[in-house]
N, C-alpha and C. Protein backbone atom coordinates (compact mmCIF):
# COMPACT_ATOMS: atom_id res chain seq x y z
N MET A 1 106.00 109.76 63.53
CA MET A 1 105.58 109.59 64.42
C MET A 1 105.87 110.51 65.58
N ASN A 2 105.00 111.20 65.81
CA ASN A 2 105.10 112.30 67.09
C ASN A 2 105.18 111.60 68.44
N VAL A 3 105.96 111.03 69.23
CA VAL A 3 106.37 110.40 70.36
C VAL A 3 107.32 110.99 71.07
N ASP A 4 107.23 110.68 72.25
CA ASP A 4 108.36 111.25 73.04
C ASP A 4 109.02 110.29 74.06
N PHE A 5 110.01 109.59 73.13
CA PHE A 5 110.65 108.29 73.50
C PHE A 5 111.59 108.07 72.05
N PRO A 6 112.66 107.80 72.38
CA PRO A 6 113.27 107.88 71.11
C PRO A 6 113.02 106.30 70.32
N LEU A 7 112.97 106.46 69.14
CA LEU A 7 112.96 105.35 68.12
C LEU A 7 114.26 104.69 67.52
N LEU A 8 114.44 103.71 67.30
CA LEU A 8 115.74 103.31 66.40
C LEU A 8 115.10 101.95 65.58
N LEU A 9 116.21 101.71 64.49
CA LEU A 9 116.04 100.92 63.51
C LEU A 9 116.73 99.97 63.49
N ILE A 10 116.73 98.69 63.32
CA ILE A 10 117.62 97.73 63.69
C ILE A 10 117.27 96.68 62.44
N GLY A 11 118.28 96.48 61.30
CA GLY A 11 118.15 95.58 60.57
C GLY A 11 119.04 95.69 59.23
N LEU A 12 118.81 94.79 58.35
CA LEU A 12 119.52 95.22 57.22
C LEU A 12 118.72 95.47 55.81
N ILE A 13 119.56 96.22 55.20
CA ILE A 13 118.81 97.08 53.99
C ILE A 13 119.85 96.72 52.78
N GLY A 14 119.40 96.97 51.77
CA GLY A 14 120.10 96.92 50.47
C GLY A 14 120.75 98.18 50.09
N ASN A 15 121.96 98.02 49.42
CA ASN A 15 122.29 99.36 48.52
C ASN A 15 121.68 99.99 47.40
N ASP A 16 120.35 100.01 47.56
CA ASP A 16 119.44 100.13 46.56
C ASP A 16 118.57 101.44 46.85
N PHE A 17 117.81 101.82 45.91
CA PHE A 17 116.96 102.96 46.07
C PHE A 17 115.71 102.76 47.30
N ASN A 18 115.57 101.66 47.52
CA ASN A 18 114.79 101.45 48.67
C ASN A 18 115.40 101.82 49.93
N GLY A 19 116.48 101.00 49.89
CA GLY A 19 117.62 101.21 51.28
C GLY A 19 117.89 102.86 51.44
N LYS A 20 118.23 103.28 50.49
CA LYS A 20 118.80 104.80 50.70
C LYS A 20 117.71 105.61 51.10
N TRP A 21 116.06 105.18 50.45
CA TRP A 21 115.02 105.95 50.89
C TRP A 21 114.51 105.92 52.49
N ILE A 22 114.76 104.47 52.90
CA ILE A 22 114.68 104.10 54.43
C ILE A 22 115.58 104.96 55.25
N ILE A 23 116.84 104.99 54.87
CA ILE A 23 117.90 105.67 55.40
C ILE A 23 117.58 107.36 55.32
N ASP A 24 117.15 107.87 54.48
CA ASP A 24 116.81 109.44 54.35
C ASP A 24 115.75 109.81 55.25
N ASP A 25 114.77 108.86 55.32
CA ASP A 25 113.58 109.12 56.01
C ASP A 25 113.61 108.76 57.02
N CYS A 26 114.65 107.76 57.74
CA CYS A 26 114.75 108.02 59.20
C CYS A 26 115.40 108.98 59.96
N ILE A 27 116.71 109.43 59.24
CA ILE A 27 117.25 110.70 59.24
C ILE A 27 116.41 112.12 59.52
N LYS A 28 115.21 112.05 58.63
CA LYS A 28 114.65 113.11 58.46
C LYS A 28 113.83 113.00 59.47
N SER A 29 113.32 112.06 60.04
CA SER A 29 112.28 111.63 61.11
C SER A 29 112.99 111.53 62.50
N ASN A 30 114.28 111.62 62.72
CA ASN A 30 115.27 111.64 64.03
C ASN A 30 114.99 110.33 64.33
N ILE A 31 115.15 109.20 63.39
CA ILE A 31 115.18 107.76 64.43
C ILE A 31 116.72 107.35 63.84
N ASP A 32 117.14 107.03 65.14
CA ASP A 32 118.15 106.27 65.34
C ASP A 32 118.79 105.05 64.17
N ILE A 33 119.75 105.20 63.54
CA ILE A 33 119.96 104.05 62.53
C ILE A 33 121.67 103.35 62.65
N ASN A 34 121.83 103.88 63.76
CA ASN A 34 123.18 103.15 64.14
C ASN A 34 123.34 101.63 64.27
N GLN A 35 122.14 101.12 64.40
CA GLN A 35 122.08 99.45 64.34
C GLN A 35 121.65 98.95 62.76
N VAL A 36 121.60 100.11 61.99
CA VAL A 36 121.14 99.47 60.25
C VAL A 36 122.63 99.13 59.76
N GLU A 37 122.64 98.04 58.90
CA GLU A 37 123.49 97.56 58.15
C GLU A 37 123.36 97.46 57.01
N ILE A 38 123.89 98.41 56.01
CA ILE A 38 123.81 98.45 54.52
C ILE A 38 124.52 97.17 53.89
N ILE A 39 123.70 96.12 53.28
CA ILE A 39 124.51 95.20 52.44
C ILE A 39 125.17 95.66 51.26
N LYS A 40 126.40 95.41 50.98
CA LYS A 40 127.37 95.98 49.71
C LYS A 40 127.00 95.09 49.05
N ASP A 41 126.57 94.00 48.61
CA ASP A 41 126.34 93.33 47.15
C ASP A 41 125.08 93.76 46.69
N SER A 42 124.36 92.95 45.86
CA SER A 42 123.52 93.57 44.96
C SER A 42 122.02 92.88 45.53
N THR A 43 122.41 92.31 46.67
CA THR A 43 120.81 92.00 47.55
C THR A 43 120.06 93.29 47.59
N PRO A 44 118.74 92.71 47.21
CA PRO A 44 117.94 93.83 47.45
C PRO A 44 117.27 94.48 48.85
N THR A 45 116.65 95.68 49.14
CA THR A 45 116.18 95.63 50.66
C THR A 45 114.80 94.96 50.28
N SER A 46 114.33 94.46 51.32
CA SER A 46 113.17 93.79 51.71
C SER A 46 111.89 94.70 51.30
N CYS A 47 111.08 94.23 50.48
CA CYS A 47 109.95 95.05 50.25
C CYS A 47 108.55 94.21 50.15
N THR A 48 107.53 94.76 50.41
CA THR A 48 106.18 94.07 50.28
C THR A 48 105.09 94.66 49.69
N TYR A 49 104.65 94.85 48.69
CA TYR A 49 103.87 95.27 47.61
C TYR A 49 102.24 94.67 47.86
N VAL A 50 101.54 95.67 48.34
CA VAL A 50 99.86 95.24 48.46
C VAL A 50 99.24 95.69 47.38
N MET A 51 98.41 94.80 46.43
CA MET A 51 97.51 94.95 45.58
C MET A 51 96.09 95.09 46.11
N SER A 52 95.17 95.90 46.12
CA SER A 52 94.10 95.69 46.77
C SER A 52 93.03 96.16 45.78
N VAL A 53 91.73 95.39 45.71
CA VAL A 53 90.66 95.60 44.94
C VAL A 53 89.68 96.40 45.67
N LYS A 54 89.41 97.69 45.31
CA LYS A 54 88.41 98.55 45.74
C LYS A 54 87.23 98.09 46.01
N ASN A 55 86.36 97.56 45.40
CA ASN A 55 85.21 97.20 45.67
C ASN A 55 84.96 95.85 46.16
N THR A 56 85.92 95.03 46.42
CA THR A 56 85.72 93.75 47.06
C THR A 56 86.58 93.73 48.63
N ASN A 57 87.63 94.94 48.71
CA ASN A 57 88.58 94.96 49.71
C ASN A 57 89.69 93.80 49.91
N ARG A 58 89.38 93.05 48.70
CA ARG A 58 90.59 91.84 48.75
C ARG A 58 91.91 92.14 48.42
N ARG A 59 92.92 91.55 48.90
CA ARG A 59 94.22 92.04 48.75
C ARG A 59 95.23 91.03 48.46
N THR A 60 96.20 91.25 47.85
CA THR A 60 97.13 90.21 47.08
C THR A 60 98.49 90.92 47.47
N PHE A 61 99.22 89.81 48.29
CA PHE A 61 100.46 90.45 48.73
C PHE A 61 101.66 90.09 47.71
N PHE A 62 102.72 90.72 47.38
CA PHE A 62 104.22 90.10 46.72
C PHE A 62 104.88 90.59 47.64
N HIS A 63 105.90 89.69 47.96
CA HIS A 63 106.94 90.00 49.02
C HIS A 63 108.40 89.51 48.48
N GLN A 64 109.49 90.55 48.61
CA GLN A 64 110.59 90.24 48.07
C GLN A 64 111.31 90.17 49.33
N GLN A 65 111.99 88.89 49.85
CA GLN A 65 112.44 88.64 50.81
C GLN A 65 113.86 89.40 50.90
N GLY A 66 114.86 89.61 50.51
CA GLY A 66 115.83 90.30 50.07
C GLY A 66 116.51 90.53 50.97
N THR A 67 117.29 91.38 52.02
CA THR A 67 117.83 91.50 52.94
C THR A 67 117.53 90.57 54.18
N ASN A 68 116.22 90.65 54.53
CA ASN A 68 115.38 90.21 55.54
C ASN A 68 115.98 88.61 55.51
N GLY A 69 116.28 88.14 54.34
CA GLY A 69 116.63 86.76 54.42
C GLY A 69 118.03 86.37 54.70
N LEU A 70 118.90 87.18 54.77
CA LEU A 70 120.24 87.46 55.16
C LEU A 70 120.21 87.75 56.89
N LEU A 71 119.07 88.18 57.75
CA LEU A 71 119.19 88.93 58.80
C LEU A 71 119.16 87.53 59.91
N ASP A 72 120.31 87.89 61.03
CA ASP A 72 120.50 86.51 61.61
C ASP A 72 120.36 87.30 63.27
N GLU A 73 120.55 86.49 64.50
CA GLU A 73 120.53 87.32 65.73
C GLU A 73 121.65 87.54 65.91
N LYS A 74 122.74 87.79 65.34
CA LYS A 74 124.13 88.27 65.43
C LYS A 74 124.14 89.56 64.67
N HIS A 75 123.13 90.15 64.32
CA HIS A 75 122.70 91.55 63.75
C HIS A 75 122.02 92.31 64.98
N PHE A 76 122.02 91.82 66.07
CA PHE A 76 121.18 92.41 67.19
C PHE A 76 122.19 92.90 68.04
N ASP A 77 122.13 94.00 68.62
CA ASP A 77 123.15 94.33 69.66
C ASP A 77 122.55 93.83 70.99
């Protein structure tokens, strides 16, 4: 995102491949991650997979709630 204002990420991520990918991508993209908390147990990072049928444009979503299920107002500054 080539924007002229600061970006920051707020939330919870798991201590897994997807969580590490998010952190690495934010660092590479200059996105502030000071308000991201990494959950130390085995709770996975939340993710959604989208399966699309090319000829009909129909989509099905598979959602893993993961760390989003733990997110609460106490996590926001």
